[in-house]
C-alpha cells in the first residue's frame, strides 16, 4: 500500500529542523554574541568579524571536499559527523580566553557545520525530487529563515545567563536534536523502493532509470564553460552581502541609536521574512526561466541593502526589510534548482560544493570589510552602498549563464 506521505517529505522536514537550529545559533544568531565579546575582551569589530570569516570555511575550503564526501558516503553519515562536531565546537568556544582560542573554536564549528548544512542537506533533498525540486528546497531552506524566531530567545539567554553558558546550552542542544534527525535521512529513493517525487510504480516509464534522463556532463566539461564561473561569482557576491549584513546588523543598528532589544527583533525579522522569498522564488523557479527569476531576486537584494544605509529613517528600514530578506532567501533556493536543472543529480553535490567554495570567498571578505569600514570611518554607510553596487554586477552575471543541456522532461 502506498504511504499517504511520500518519504522524501520527511527528509525535507528533518533537514528543515537541522538547518533551523544550526542557522539560529551559528549564522543569524551570531550577531547577538558580537557586542558581549567586544565588551569583555576589548577586541575590535574587525577582529570579531574575522571569526565570521573563519565560519565561512564551512562553505570555503571544506565545501568542495564535502561535495565529494557526500557523493562517496551519503548524506546521513556526513550529517551525524557534522552535528557531533558542531556540539564540541560550541562547548569549546565557551572556554574562550584569547582571540586564538576563539578563532580555533570557530574553525572547529565551521568544519562540523559543513557536514550538516547546505551542501549535504540540499543533496539529500535533491536526490528525492526532480519535478518538485524548487518547492522541496524552498521548504527545506526555510529552516534558515525560521531561525529568526529564536534570535530574541538567544539574546535573552546571553543577557540572562552569560555568553559562555549560552554556548554550552546550544552545544548540548544540537546533539539532542540533530542526532535523531540524522537517522531520518536516507540517501537514495530507489534503494528503499521509492521513486523521485513519489511517482507510482504503475506510472508509464516509472521503472526507467531516472539517471538516464539526467544531463550527461563531466566535471571537466563543466570547467570549460563560463556558466559555472558566472554562477560562482554571483554566489560569492551574494554571500558577501548576506554574511556582512547578518554579522553587523545589531551593532550597526545600535550605532544609529536603536536599543539592543529592538535591534535583536530586526535581526530576527530578516531571516523570518526570507521565508516568503524562499517559497515564492522556489515556486517561480519551477514555473519560469531560472535565470530571470534569479536576477529578480538579486535586484531585490541590491535595493534592500542600499536602503539599509538609510535605516535611520523608518522608510529606509522598511524597504530593507521588504526587499533584502526576500531576495537572499529566494537565491538560496534558486542556486540549487539551477544546478539540478543544468547539471543533473549525478554531479549535484560536487557542483554545490564548488559553488559554496566560491561563495565562501565573499563570506570571508564581507564581514571583515564591513568591520574595517566601521573601525576606520565610524559608520557602515560606505560598506552598504558598495555592496549594493556589487549586487547589480551579480545581476549581469546571472543573465549571462546558459544551460549545458536542458533535461528531457517529456517523460516525467
Protein backbone atom coordinates (compact mmCIF):
# COMPACT_ATOMS: atom_id res chain seq x y z
CA UNK A 1 0.00 0.00 0.00
CA UNK A 2 1.35 3.41 -0.99
CA UNK A 3 2.09 5.62 2.07
CA UNK A 4 0.00 8.76 2.49
CA UNK A 5 3.06 10.98 2.67
CA UNK A 6 5.97 10.45 0.31
CA UNK A 7 9.05 9.68 2.42
CA UNK A 8 11.01 12.40 0.66
CA UNK A 9 8.94 14.98 2.52
CA UNK A 10 10.07 13.52 5.86
CA UNK A 11 13.66 14.07 4.71
CA UNK A 12 12.74 17.65 3.81
CA UNK A 13 11.30 18.10 7.32
CA UNK A 14 14.37 16.63 9.05
CA UNK A 15 16.75 18.82 7.04
CA UNK A 16 14.47 21.81 7.75
CA UNK A 17 14.87 21.32 11.53
CA UNK A 18 18.63 20.77 11.33
CA UNK A 19 19.01 23.92 9.22
CA UNK A 20 16.77 25.79 11.67
CA UNK A 21 18.96 25.00 14.67
CA UNK A 22 22.34 25.46 13.01
CA UNK A 23 21.44 28.80 11.42
CA UNK A 24 19.80 30.06 14.63
CA UNK A 25 22.98 29.63 16.65
CA UNK A 26 25.83 29.88 14.14
CA UNK A 27 24.67 32.08 11.25
CA UNK A 28 21.90 34.53 12.10
CA UNK A 29 22.26 34.31 15.88
CA UNK A 30 25.99 35.08 15.93
CA UNK A 31 25.27 38.82 15.79
CA UNK A 32 23.91 38.54 19.37
CA UNK A 33 27.36 37.42 20.61
CA UNK A 34 29.12 40.33 18.90
CA UNK A 35 28.81 43.10 21.49
CA UNK A 36 29.29 40.88 24.60
CA UNK A 37 32.59 39.65 23.16
CA UNK A 38 33.77 43.18 22.33
CA UNK A 39 32.83 44.39 25.81
CA UNK A 40 34.55 41.53 27.67
CA UNK A 41 37.79 41.29 25.68
CA UNK A 42 38.08 44.74 24.12
CA UNK A 43 38.53 43.27 20.65
CA UNK A 44 37.91 45.44 17.60
CA UNK A 45 34.96 44.93 15.29
CA UNK A 46 37.38 43.73 12.61
CA UNK A 47 38.81 41.05 14.92
CA UNK A 48 35.40 39.67 15.89
CA UNK A 49 34.19 39.90 12.29
CA UNK A 50 37.10 37.71 11.22
CA UNK A 51 35.50 34.89 13.23
CA UNK A 52 32.57 35.02 10.82
CA UNK A 53 35.07 34.66 8.02
CA UNK A 54 36.51 31.56 9.67
CA UNK A 55 32.98 30.23 9.99
CA UNK A 56 32.84 30.71 6.22
CA UNK A 57 35.34 27.84 5.92
CA UNK A 58 32.20 25.69 6.09
CA UNK A 59 31.48 26.92 2.57
CA UNK A 60 35.07 27.52 1.55
CA UNK A 61 37.97 25.10 1.54
CA UNK A 62 35.75 22.42 3.07
CA UNK A 63 32.75 22.74 0.75
CA UNK A 64 34.25 21.11 -2.38
CA UNK A 65 35.69 18.35 -0.20
CA UNK A 66 32.31 17.82 1.43
CA UNK A 67 30.73 17.66 -2.00
CA UNK A 68 32.98 14.72 -2.88
CA UNK A 69 32.45 13.07 0.53
CA UNK A 70 28.68 13.19 0.34
CA UNK A 71 28.83 11.67 -3.15
CA UNK A 72 31.01 8.89 -1.72
CA UNK A 73 29.47 8.23 1.71
CA UNK A 74 25.98 9.71 1.55
CA UNK A 75 24.26 12.49 3.46
CA UNK A 76 23.32 10.64 6.67
CA UNK A 77 26.89 9.87 7.74
CA UNK A 78 28.04 13.41 7.00
CA UNK A 79 25.16 14.91 9.00
CA UNK A 80 25.92 12.71 12.01
CA UNK A 81 29.58 13.68 11.98
CA UNK A 82 28.74 17.35 11.46
CA UNK A 83 26.21 17.56 14.30
CA UNK A 84 28.62 15.90 16.74
CA UNK A 85 31.47 18.24 15.74
CA UNK A 86 29.38 21.42 15.97
CA UNK A 87 28.41 20.50 19.54
CA UNK A 88 32.05 20.07 20.52
CA UNK A 89 32.98 23.37 18.86
CA UNK A 90 30.27 25.37 20.67
CA UNK A 91 31.26 23.96 24.05
CA UNK A 92 34.93 24.59 23.25
CA UNK A 93 34.13 28.22 22.42
CA UNK A 94 32.54 28.72 25.84
CA UNK A 95 36.05 28.36 27.35
CA UNK A 96 37.49 31.17 25.21
CA UNK A 97 40.10 33.34 26.98
CA UNK A 98 42.08 34.54 23.97
CA UNK A 99 41.50 35.52 20.37
CA UNK A 100 43.43 32.47 19.17
CA UNK A 101 41.20 30.04 21.07
CA UNK A 102 38.14 31.90 19.79
CA UNK A 103 39.30 31.53 16.19
CA UNK A 104 40.19 27.85 16.69
CA UNK A 105 36.75 27.10 18.13
CA UNK A 106 35.04 28.89 15.25
CA UNK A 107 37.10 26.91 12.75
CA UNK A 108 36.05 23.70 14.51
CA UNK A 109 32.40 24.75 14.32
CA UNK A 110 32.83 25.53 10.63
CA UNK A 111 34.20 22.05 9.99
CA UNK A 112 31.18 20.47 11.65
CA UNK A 113 28.63 22.80 10.08
CA UNK A 114 29.93 21.87 6.66
CA UNK A 115 28.73 18.32 7.29
CA UNK A 116 25.18 19.18 8.28
CA UNK A 117 24.18 22.23 6.27
CA UNK A 118 23.72 23.39 2.70
CA UNK A 119 25.77 21.06 0.50
CA UNK A 120 24.74 17.93 2.40
CA UNK A 121 21.11 18.77 3.12
CA UNK A 122 20.41 20.08 -0.38
CA UNK A 123 21.92 16.92 -1.86
CA UNK A 124 19.78 14.75 0.42
CA UNK A 125 16.63 16.53 -0.73
CA UNK A 126 17.62 16.78 -4.41
CA UNK A 127 18.00 13.01 -4.65
CA UNK A 128 14.33 12.55 -3.74
CA UNK A 129 12.81 15.22 -6.00
CA UNK A 130 13.03 16.37 -9.58
CA UNK A 131 9.80 17.99 -10.83
CA UNK A 132 9.12 19.48 -7.39
CA UNK A 133 12.73 20.35 -6.60
CA UNK A 134 12.04 24.10 -6.22
CA UNK A 135 9.21 23.52 -3.77
CA UNK A 136 11.14 20.90 -1.77
CA UNK A 137 14.29 23.03 -1.49
CA UNK A 138 12.12 26.06 -0.71
CA UNK A 139 10.58 24.29 2.27
CA UNK A 140 13.87 22.82 3.46
CA UNK A 141 15.78 26.09 3.22
CA UNK A 142 13.01 27.88 5.09
CA UNK A 143 14.61 26.38 8.17
CA UNK A 144 17.30 29.03 7.74
CA UNK A 145 14.62 31.71 7.62
CA UNK A 146 12.61 30.37 10.54
CA UNK A 147 15.72 30.68 12.70
CA UNK A 148 14.75 34.32 13.13
CA UNK A 149 12.11 33.17 15.61
CA UNK A 150 14.85 32.16 18.01
CA UNK A 151 17.12 35.21 17.84
CA UNK A 152 15.24 37.13 20.57
CA UNK A 153 15.49 33.99 22.70
CA UNK A 154 19.23 33.74 22.02
CA UNK A 155 19.64 37.38 23.05
CA UNK A 156 17.63 36.69 26.23
CA UNK A 157 19.73 33.63 27.15
CA UNK A 158 23.01 35.51 26.53
CA UNK A 159 21.89 38.55 28.54
CA UNK A 160 20.42 36.44 31.33
CA UNK A 161 22.99 33.66 31.75
CA UNK A 162 26.10 34.98 30.01
CA UNK A 163 27.50 34.12 26.62
CA UNK A 164 29.62 31.24 27.96
CA UNK A 165 26.68 29.39 29.49
CA UNK A 166 24.63 30.07 26.38
CA UNK A 167 27.23 28.33 24.20
CA UNK A 168 27.18 25.23 26.41
CA UNK A 169 23.38 25.11 26.24
CA UNK A 170 23.44 25.43 22.46
CA UNK A 171 26.18 22.81 22.12
CA UNK A 172 24.20 20.22 24.09
CA UNK A 173 21.05 21.17 22.21
CA UNK A 174 22.47 20.33 18.79
CA UNK A 175 23.28 16.81 19.98
CA UNK A 176 19.82 16.31 21.48
CA UNK A 177 18.03 17.50 18.34
CA UNK A 178 20.39 16.78 15.47
CA UNK A 179 21.44 13.18 16.09
CA UNK A 180 17.90 11.67 15.99
CA UNK A 181 17.04 13.75 12.92
CA UNK A 182 20.12 12.49 11.07
CA UNK A 183 18.71 8.95 11.17
CA UNK A 184 15.60 10.12 9.28
CA UNK A 185 17.74 11.00 6.24
CA UNK A 186 18.12 8.35 3.56
CA UNK A 187 20.39 8.73 0.59
CA UNK A 188 18.60 7.33 -2.47
CA UNK A 189 14.88 6.68 -3.01
CA UNK A 190 15.48 3.70 -5.29
CA UNK A 191 17.35 1.84 -2.52
CA UNK A 192 14.18 1.88 -0.42
CA UNK A 193 11.64 1.12 -3.12
CA UNK A 194 10.67 4.72 -3.83
CA UNK A 195 10.76 6.86 -6.94
CA UNK A 196 11.59 10.60 -7.12
CA UNK A 197 8.64 12.91 -6.34
CA UNK A 198 6.64 9.93 -5.04
CA UNK A 199 5.78 8.67 -8.51
CA UNK A 200 3.75 5.47 -8.62
CA UNK A 201 5.39 2.27 -9.85
CA UNK A 202 2.34 1.85 -12.10
CA UNK A 203 3.06 5.09 -13.97
CA UNK A 204 4.32 4.67 -17.56
CA UNK A 205 8.09 4.79 -17.53
CA UNK A 206 8.25 4.52 -13.74
CA UNK A 207 10.79 1.73 -13.91
CA UNK A 208 13.12 3.68 -16.16
CA UNK A 209 16.35 4.63 -14.52
CA UNK A 210 15.92 8.33 -13.53
CA UNK A 211 19.61 8.90 -14.06
CA UNK A 212 19.21 8.04 -17.75
CA UNK A 213 17.37 11.34 -18.26
CA UNK A 214 19.91 13.49 -16.47
CA UNK A 215 22.13 15.89 -18.42
CA UNK A 216 25.25 13.98 -19.43
CA UNK A 217 28.18 16.19 -18.46
CA UNK A 218 31.56 15.58 -16.90
CA UNK A 219 33.31 17.80 -14.37
CA UNK A 220 35.96 18.57 -17.00
CA UNK A 221 33.29 19.79 -19.42
CA UNK A 222 31.74 21.98 -16.72
CA UNK A 223 35.01 23.79 -16.10
CA UNK A 224 35.38 24.54 -19.81
CA UNK A 225 32.16 26.58 -19.76
CA UNK A 226 31.76 30.11 -18.41
CA UNK A 227 28.34 29.40 -16.89
CA UNK A 228 29.80 27.88 -13.75
CA UNK A 229 32.19 30.82 -13.38
CA UNK A 230 29.33 33.31 -13.66
CA UNK A 231 27.25 31.36 -11.14
CA UNK A 232 30.15 31.14 -8.72
CA UNK A 233 31.00 34.85 -8.93
CA UNK A 234 27.35 35.77 -8.37
CA UNK A 235 27.16 33.43 -5.36
CA UNK A 236 30.36 34.96 -3.95
CA UNK A 237 28.80 38.43 -4.11
CA UNK A 238 25.52 37.21 -2.62
CA UNK A 239 27.20 35.52 0.32
CA UNK A 240 29.49 38.50 0.87
CA UNK A 241 26.43 40.68 1.37
CA UNK A 242 24.41 38.21 3.47
CA UNK A 243 27.21 37.48 5.96
CA UNK A 244 28.22 41.15 6.20
CA UNK A 245 24.65 42.23 6.97
CA UNK A 246 23.81 39.42 9.38
CA UNK A 247 27.08 39.77 11.29
CA UNK A 248 26.82 43.54 11.68
CA UNK A 249 23.08 44.20 11.75
CA UNK A 250 22.83 44.53 15.55
CA UNK A 251 25.99 46.62 16.09
CA UNK A 252 25.00 48.78 13.09
CA UNK A 253 21.52 49.46 14.42
CA UNK A 254 22.97 50.16 17.86
CA UNK A 255 25.39 52.65 16.29
CA UNK A 256 22.46 54.68 14.89
CA UNK A 257 20.69 54.79 18.25
CA UNK A 258 18.48 51.70 18.33
CA UNK A 259 18.24 49.71 21.59
CA UNK A 260 19.79 46.22 21.79
CA UNK A 261 16.38 44.55 22.22
CA UNK A 262 14.90 46.38 19.20
CA UNK A 263 17.97 45.57 17.11
CA UNK A 264 17.54 41.93 18.10
CA UNK A 265 13.99 41.91 16.78
CA UNK A 266 15.12 43.46 13.49
CA UNK A 267 17.85 40.82 13.20
CA UNK A 268 15.18 38.18 13.83
CA UNK A 269 12.86 39.66 11.21
CA UNK A 270 15.43 39.34 8.41
CA UNK A 271 15.56 35.51 8.25
CA UNK A 272 11.84 35.26 9.05
CA UNK A 273 10.85 37.48 6.14
CA UNK A 274 13.19 35.49 3.91
CA UNK A 275 10.82 32.52 4.25
CA UNK A 276 8.37 34.24 1.91
CA UNK A 277 11.12 34.69 -0.66
CA UNK A 278 12.19 31.05 -0.36
CA UNK A 279 8.68 29.76 -1.05
CA UNK A 280 7.80 32.34 -3.72
CA UNK A 281 11.03 32.09 -5.70
CA UNK A 282 11.11 28.30 -5.29
CA UNK A 283 7.70 28.13 -6.98
CA UNK A 284 8.66 30.71 -9.63
CA UNK A 285 11.86 28.79 -10.38
CA UNK A 286 9.81 25.67 -11.15
CA UNK A 287 7.50 27.63 -13.46
CA UNK A 288 9.72 30.16 -15.28
CA UNK A 289 13.24 30.62 -16.64
CA UNK A 290 15.52 30.39 -13.62
CA UNK A 291 17.93 33.00 -14.97
CA UNK A 292 15.33 35.75 -14.97
CA UNK A 293 13.83 34.70 -11.65
CA UNK A 294 17.29 34.67 -10.06
CA UNK A 295 18.17 38.10 -11.47
CA UNK A 296 14.94 39.50 -10.00
CA UNK A 297 15.92 38.14 -6.57
CA UNK A 298 19.35 39.80 -6.85
CA UNK A 299 17.62 43.05 -7.74
CA UNK A 300 15.62 42.91 -4.51
CA UNK A 301 18.81 42.32 -2.55
CA UNK A 302 20.54 45.29 -4.20
CA UNK A 303 17.79 47.79 -3.45
CA UNK A 304 17.34 46.37 0.04
CA UNK A 305 20.97 46.72 1.12
CA UNK A 306 21.11 50.20 -0.40
CA UNK A 307 18.12 51.16 1.76
CA UNK A 308 19.97 49.84 4.83
CA UNK A 309 22.33 52.81 4.54
CA UNK A 310 19.29 54.96 5.36
CA UNK A 311 17.94 52.81 8.20
CA UNK A 312 17.93 55.86 10.48
CA UNK A 313 14.76 56.75 8.58
CA UNK A 314 11.74 54.47 9.03
CA UNK A 315 11.18 54.26 5.28
CA UNK A 316 14.75 53.07 4.70
CA UNK A 317 14.44 50.34 7.33
CA UNK A 318 11.04 49.29 5.90
CA UNK A 319 12.42 48.97 2.34
CA UNK A 320 15.39 46.98 3.64
CA UNK A 321 13.13 44.51 5.48
CA UNK A 322 10.79 44.22 2.50
CA UNK A 323 13.41 43.63 -0.22
CA UNK A 324 16.69 42.26 1.15
CA UNK A 325 15.41 39.15 3.03
CA UNK A 326 13.07 38.11 0.21
CA UNK A 327 15.89 38.42 -2.32
CA UNK A 328 18.57 36.47 -0.48
CA UNK A 329 16.06 33.83 0.63
CA UNK A 330 14.97 33.28 -2.94
CA UNK A 331 18.52 32.94 -4.25
CA UNK A 332 19.34 30.43 -1.51
CA UNK A 333 16.76 28.14 -3.13
CA UNK A 334 17.32 29.04 -6.78
CA UNK A 335 21.06 28.27 -6.81
CA UNK A 336 20.25 24.62 -6.05
CA UNK A 337 17.47 24.41 -8.64
CA UNK A 338 19.75 25.89 -11.30
CA UNK A 339 22.45 23.29 -10.64
CA UNK A 340 19.86 20.49 -10.51
CA UNK A 341 18.41 21.53 -13.88
CA UNK A 342 21.62 22.43 -15.69
CA UNK A 343 23.89 19.63 -14.46
CA UNK A 344 21.65 16.85 -13.09
CA UNK A 345 21.73 14.93 -9.82
CA UNK A 346 24.82 12.83 -10.62
CA UNK A 347 27.16 15.75 -10.02
CA UNK A 348 24.87 17.84 -7.78
CA UNK A 349 26.84 17.57 -4.53
CA UNK A 350 30.16 18.27 -6.24
CA UNK A 351 28.75 21.28 -8.12
CA UNK A 352 27.16 22.63 -4.94
CA UNK A 353 30.43 22.17 -3.09
CA UNK A 354 32.34 24.12 -5.73
CA UNK A 355 29.76 26.91 -5.74
CA UNK A 356 29.76 27.14 -1.94
CA UNK A 357 33.54 27.24 -2.04
CA UNK A 358 33.45 30.33 -4.22
CA UNK A 359 30.71 31.80 -2.05
CA UNK A 360 32.93 31.46 0.99
CA UNK A 361 35.38 33.89 -0.56
CA UNK A 362 32.69 36.52 -0.30
CA UNK A 363 31.75 35.28 3.16
CA UNK A 364 35.31 35.88 4.31
CA UNK A 365 35.61 39.34 2.72
CA UNK A 366 32.15 40.72 3.52
CA UNK A 367 32.01 40.86 7.33
CA UNK A 368 35.69 41.67 7.72
CA UNK A 369 35.44 44.52 5.22
CA UNK A 370 32.32 45.92 6.92
CA UNK A 371 34.07 45.78 10.30
CA UNK A 372 37.11 47.54 8.85
CA UNK A 373 34.92 50.28 7.35
CA UNK A 374 33.34 50.90 10.75
CA UNK A 375 36.68 50.89 12.59
CA UNK A 376 38.16 53.45 10.17
CA UNK A 377 35.17 55.69 9.40
CA UNK A 378 32.92 55.26 12.43
CA UNK A 379 29.92 54.16 10.36
CA UNK A 380 28.76 51.49 7.90
CA UNK A 381 27.31 53.63 5.10
CA UNK A 382 30.14 53.16 2.61
CA UNK A 383 30.02 49.39 3.15
CA UNK A 384 26.29 49.13 2.41
CA UNK A 385 26.47 51.31 -0.70
CA UNK A 386 29.49 49.44 -2.06
CA UNK A 387 27.85 46.05 -1.54
CA UNK A 388 24.71 47.20 -3.36
CA UNK A 389 26.84 48.10 -6.40
CA UNK A 390 28.33 44.60 -6.41
CA UNK A 391 24.85 43.07 -6.34
CA UNK A 392 23.94 44.92 -9.54
CA UNK A 393 27.07 43.38 -11.08
CA UNK A 394 25.79 39.95 -10.00
CA UNK A 395 22.58 40.55 -11.96
CA UNK A 396 24.59 40.96 -15.16
CA UNK A 397 26.50 37.75 -14.42
CA UNK A 398 23.33 35.72 -13.85
CA UNK A 399 21.79 36.91 -17.10
CA UNK A 400 24.85 35.57 -18.98
CA UNK A 401 24.50 31.95 -17.79
CA UNK A 402 23.41 29.27 -20.25
CA UNK A 403 22.45 25.66 -19.54
CA UNK A 404 24.84 22.96 -20.68
CA UNK A 405 21.92 20.73 -21.63
CA UNK A 406 18.26 21.04 -20.78
CA UNK A 407 16.95 17.80 -19.19
CA UNK A 408 14.27 15.97 -21.11
CA UNK A 409 11.13 16.46 -19.06
CA UNK A 410 8.75 14.97 -21.62
CA UNK A 411 8.50 11.61 -19.84
CA UNK A 412 8.22 12.96 -16.29
